[in-house]
Amino acid sequence: MENYPRNLDDDQKLLQPFSKKIFLYVPENEDLYPNGVVSKTYDFGSLAMYMEGLSRPGHYNGVATIVEALLKNTSPARAYFGEKDFQQLQIIRALNTRLHLGVEIIECPLIREKNGLAMSSRNQLLPPHQREAASVIYKSLEVILQKANTWSLHEMKSFFVSEIEGLEGFRVDYFAIASPSDLIPVKQLKPNQVYRVFVAVYVGKTRLIDTVELKRI
């Protein structure tokens, strides 16, 4: 939590155009976790087994612990989560259902910077030249979407890895194509199916993720 990029002033400025009646809930860690932050253990099945779950063991236990505390403390009618963290979104939906929290979970479309890079607070950790070069992530995904009906999964992955790791300081953590419902990576693409492409890339020491929907006709 201490290392996560935060800028409350900028967040407030972004909210101002929408309404003057927005109230910000900004608790301190001890408000939510008086006995210290200790992650609970959840079983989300296949939703948490792959992609981020595989690369960051225990990560979604931490996410679910925080989101459960947030929703229980605020009792909102609706809660908004971004498409960019699609795996996290599916896990939060499952959490909401299993705990009968009664919150309407709204998916917010992924927003990109002018160069195509998925917007993220982590982008500010990149120096300008790397932030611009990181546009290769989405550009490569765009090519894969264009080849959705002609390339095999192996060809898609090979192309992505080649494009990314051809740049100095760039390394692919994972490339996976999975069913959006259970998030189990597939080994072969079938016709008339909708999939999700999930990628994670290290740009220097900064780790970026992205996702796009892929339709196979």
Protein backbone atom coordinates (compact mmCIF):
# COMPACT_ATOMS: atom_id res chain seq x y z
CA MET A 1 0.00 0.00 0.00
CA GLU A 2 2.86 2.37 0.79
CA ASN A 3 4.34 1.91 -2.69
CA TYR A 4 1.11 2.33 -4.65
CA PRO A 5 1.01 5.60 -6.64
CA ARG A 6 -1.51 8.01 -5.11
CA ASN A 7 -2.37 11.61 -5.89
CA LEU A 8 -5.53 12.71 -4.13
CA ASP A 9 -5.31 16.28 -5.46
CA ASP A 10 -5.31 15.08 -9.07
CA ASP A 11 -8.18 12.67 -8.34
CA GLN A 12 -10.25 15.52 -6.93
CA LYS A 13 -9.59 17.68 -9.99
CA LEU A 14 -10.72 14.87 -12.29
CA LEU A 15 -14.00 14.56 -10.38
CA GLN A 16 -14.85 18.28 -10.28
CA PRO A 17 -16.41 18.54 -13.78
CA PHE A 18 -18.98 15.85 -12.94
CA SER A 19 -20.61 17.29 -9.83
CA LYS A 20 -20.05 19.55 -6.85
CA LYS A 21 -21.85 17.07 -4.63
CA ILE A 22 -19.34 14.25 -4.77
CA PHE A 23 -18.10 13.02 -1.40
CA LEU A 24 -14.74 11.29 -1.26
CA TYR A 25 -14.24 8.33 1.04
CA VAL A 26 -10.53 8.30 1.85
CA PRO A 27 -9.97 6.11 4.91
CA GLU A 28 -6.62 5.53 6.53
CA ASN A 29 -5.34 1.97 6.64
CA GLU A 30 -6.10 1.71 10.35
CA ASP A 31 -9.73 2.72 9.72
CA LEU A 32 -10.30 -0.37 7.61
CA TYR A 33 -7.79 -2.62 9.33
CA PRO A 34 -7.53 -1.69 13.04
CA ASN A 35 -5.59 -4.90 13.72
CA GLY A 36 -3.29 -4.49 10.74
CA VAL A 37 -3.69 -5.62 7.16
CA VAL A 38 -4.04 -9.39 7.06
CA SER A 39 -5.33 -10.98 3.86
CA LYS A 40 -8.19 -13.41 4.11
CA THR A 41 -8.13 -16.60 2.09
CA TYR A 42 -10.73 -17.06 -0.64
CA ASP A 43 -11.39 -19.78 -3.18
CA PHE A 44 -12.28 -18.26 -6.53
CA GLY A 45 -11.44 -21.41 -8.47
CA SER A 46 -10.20 -20.91 -12.01
CA LEU A 47 -10.85 -17.15 -11.86
CA ALA A 48 -7.72 -16.70 -9.76
CA MET A 49 -5.54 -19.55 -11.03
CA TYR A 50 -4.06 -18.10 -14.19
CA MET A 51 -2.57 -14.88 -15.61
CA GLU A 52 -2.22 -12.54 -12.61
CA GLY A 53 -3.08 -15.33 -10.20
CA LEU A 54 -0.19 -17.42 -11.50
CA SER A 55 2.31 -14.56 -11.74
CA ARG A 56 1.38 -13.03 -8.39
CA PRO A 57 0.38 -15.82 -5.96
CA GLY A 58 -1.98 -14.60 -3.25
CA HIS A 59 -2.59 -11.30 -5.03
CA TYR A 60 -6.33 -11.78 -5.35
CA ASN A 61 -6.68 -12.73 -1.71
CA GLY A 62 -5.36 -9.25 -0.98
CA VAL A 63 -7.62 -7.62 -3.56
CA ALA A 64 -10.71 -9.41 -2.26
CA THR A 65 -9.85 -8.56 1.36
CA ILE A 66 -9.64 -4.85 0.51
CA VAL A 67 -12.73 -4.78 -1.71
CA GLU A 68 -14.80 -6.72 0.83
CA ALA A 69 -13.86 -4.20 3.53
CA LEU A 70 -14.59 -1.28 1.19
CA LEU A 71 -18.03 -2.52 0.16
CA LYS A 72 -19.05 -3.52 3.67
CA ASN A 73 -17.97 -0.16 5.10
CA THR A 74 -19.71 1.93 2.46
CA SER A 75 -22.71 -0.24 1.44
CA PRO A 76 -22.92 1.32 -2.04
CA ALA A 77 -25.73 0.71 -4.51
CA ARG A 78 -23.16 0.52 -7.32
CA ALA A 79 -19.40 0.06 -7.54
CA TYR A 80 -17.33 0.76 -10.64
CA PHE A 81 -14.31 -1.26 -11.73
CA GLY A 82 -12.25 -1.00 -14.91
CA GLU A 83 -12.16 -3.40 -17.83
CA LYS A 84 -8.35 -3.19 -17.92
CA ASP A 85 -8.22 -5.38 -14.81
CA PHE A 86 -10.73 -7.80 -16.31
CA GLN A 87 -9.59 -10.73 -14.18
CA GLN A 88 -9.96 -8.61 -11.06
CA LEU A 89 -13.40 -7.49 -12.26
CA GLN A 90 -14.59 -11.10 -12.58
CA ILE A 91 -13.26 -11.94 -9.13
CA ILE A 92 -15.03 -8.93 -7.59
CA ARG A 93 -18.26 -10.01 -9.26
CA ALA A 94 -17.82 -13.47 -7.75
CA LEU A 95 -17.03 -11.96 -4.33
CA ASN A 96 -20.14 -9.78 -4.47
CA THR A 97 -22.32 -12.77 -5.36
CA ARG A 98 -20.88 -15.20 -2.82
CA LEU A 99 -21.04 -12.77 0.09
CA HIS A 100 -24.50 -11.52 -0.92
CA LEU A 101 -23.32 -7.92 -0.74
CA GLY A 102 -26.08 -6.74 -3.07
CA VAL A 103 -23.90 -4.25 -4.94
CA GLU A 104 -24.35 -3.62 -8.65
CA ILE A 105 -20.89 -4.06 -10.16
CA ILE A 106 -20.42 -1.77 -13.16
CA GLU A 107 -17.73 -2.48 -15.75
CA CYS A 108 -16.00 0.70 -16.96
CA PRO A 109 -14.51 0.59 -20.48
CA LEU A 110 -10.74 0.55 -20.75
CA ILE A 111 -9.39 4.02 -21.55
CA ARG A 112 -6.18 4.50 -23.49
CA GLU A 113 -3.63 7.26 -23.82
CA LYS A 114 -3.16 8.88 -27.23
CA ASN A 115 -0.50 6.33 -28.16
CA GLY A 116 -2.76 3.39 -27.24
CA LEU A 117 -1.18 2.57 -23.89
CA ALA A 118 -3.82 1.45 -21.40
CA MET A 119 -4.26 4.17 -18.78
CA SER A 120 -2.88 3.18 -15.40
CA SER A 121 -1.41 4.90 -12.37
CA ARG A 122 1.70 2.84 -13.05
CA ASN A 123 2.32 4.69 -16.31
CA GLN A 124 3.62 7.66 -14.33
CA LEU A 125 6.48 5.46 -13.13
CA LEU A 126 7.82 5.27 -16.70
CA PRO A 127 10.28 7.83 -18.07
CA PRO A 128 8.90 9.62 -21.17
CA HIS A 129 10.81 7.52 -23.71
CA GLN A 130 9.60 4.24 -22.20
CA ARG A 131 6.05 5.52 -21.86
CA GLU A 132 5.99 6.27 -25.57
CA ALA A 133 7.71 3.02 -26.51
CA ALA A 134 5.15 1.07 -24.44
CA SER A 135 2.61 1.84 -27.16
CA VAL A 136 3.98 -1.32 -28.80
CA ILE A 137 1.81 -3.36 -26.41
CA TYR A 138 -1.50 -2.18 -27.85
CA LYS A 139 -0.17 -1.89 -31.40
CA SER A 140 0.78 -5.57 -31.24
CA LEU A 141 -2.63 -6.49 -29.83
CA GLU A 142 -4.28 -4.59 -32.69
CA VAL A 143 -2.41 -6.70 -35.23
CA ILE A 144 -3.49 -9.86 -33.41
CA LEU A 145 -7.13 -8.74 -33.55
CA GLN A 146 -6.77 -8.13 -37.28
CA LYS A 147 -5.47 -11.69 -37.66
CA ALA A 148 -8.07 -13.18 -35.31
CA ASN A 149 -9.51 -15.50 -37.95
CA THR A 150 -6.31 -16.54 -39.70
CA TRP A 151 -3.57 -16.92 -37.09
CA SER A 152 -3.30 -19.77 -34.63
CA LEU A 153 -2.86 -19.09 -30.94
CA HIS A 154 0.81 -20.06 -31.26
CA GLU A 155 1.31 -17.55 -34.07
CA MET A 156 -0.35 -14.81 -32.03
CA LYS A 157 1.81 -15.46 -29.00
CA SER A 158 5.02 -15.73 -31.03
CA PHE A 159 4.28 -12.45 -32.78
CA PHE A 160 3.52 -10.64 -29.52
CA VAL A 161 6.65 -11.88 -27.75
CA SER A 162 8.81 -11.01 -30.76
CA GLU A 163 7.42 -7.47 -31.03
CA ILE A 164 7.72 -6.74 -27.31
CA GLU A 165 11.06 -8.32 -26.57
CA GLY A 166 12.59 -6.75 -29.65
CA LEU A 167 12.75 -3.53 -27.62
CA GLU A 168 15.45 -2.94 -25.03
CA GLY A 169 14.21 -3.29 -21.48
CA PHE A 170 10.90 -4.93 -22.48
CA ARG A 171 9.99 -8.44 -21.34
CA VAL A 172 6.75 -10.43 -21.61
CA ASP A 173 5.56 -11.87 -18.31
CA TYR A 174 2.64 -13.72 -19.88
CA PHE A 175 0.44 -13.89 -22.97
CA ALA A 176 -2.80 -15.83 -22.61
CA ILE A 177 -6.11 -16.16 -24.41
CA ALA A 178 -8.91 -17.33 -22.17
CA SER A 179 -12.64 -17.78 -21.90
CA PRO A 180 -14.08 -14.57 -20.36
CA SER A 181 -16.42 -16.57 -18.12
CA ASP A 182 -14.05 -18.94 -16.31
CA LEU A 183 -10.71 -17.32 -17.30
CA ILE A 184 -9.15 -20.67 -18.17
CA PRO A 185 -6.53 -20.21 -20.91
CA VAL A 186 -7.30 -22.13 -24.08
CA LYS A 187 -4.83 -24.14 -26.14
CA GLN A 188 -6.71 -23.80 -29.41
CA LEU A 189 -9.04 -21.19 -30.87
CA LYS A 190 -12.43 -22.40 -32.06
CA PRO A 191 -14.79 -20.66 -34.51
CA ASN A 192 -17.79 -18.64 -33.34
CA GLN A 193 -16.25 -17.96 -29.96
CA VAL A 194 -15.45 -14.83 -27.97
CA TYR A 195 -12.21 -14.81 -26.01
CA ARG A 196 -10.13 -12.44 -23.92
CA VAL A 197 -6.47 -11.76 -24.62
CA PHE A 198 -4.48 -11.07 -21.44
CA VAL A 199 -0.92 -9.75 -21.43
CA ALA A 200 1.56 -8.54 -18.86
CA VAL A 201 4.78 -6.80 -19.86
CA TYR A 202 7.74 -5.53 -17.89
CA VAL A 203 9.01 -2.18 -19.10
CA GLY A 204 12.18 -1.85 -17.11
CA LYS A 205 11.03 -2.56 -13.56
CA THR A 206 7.46 -1.41 -14.18
CA ARG A 207 4.88 -4.09 -14.92
CA LEU A 208 1.99 -3.21 -17.24
CA ILE A 209 -1.10 -5.24 -18.10
CA ASP A 210 -3.58 -4.99 -20.95
CA THR A 211 -6.54 -6.91 -22.31
CA VAL A 212 -8.70 -6.95 -25.42
CA GLU A 213 -11.71 -8.93 -26.56
CA LEU A 214 -11.03 -11.30 -29.44
CA LYS A 215 -13.84 -12.67 -31.62
CA ARG A 216 -13.19 -15.76 -33.71
CA ILE A 217 -15.66 -16.18 -36.59
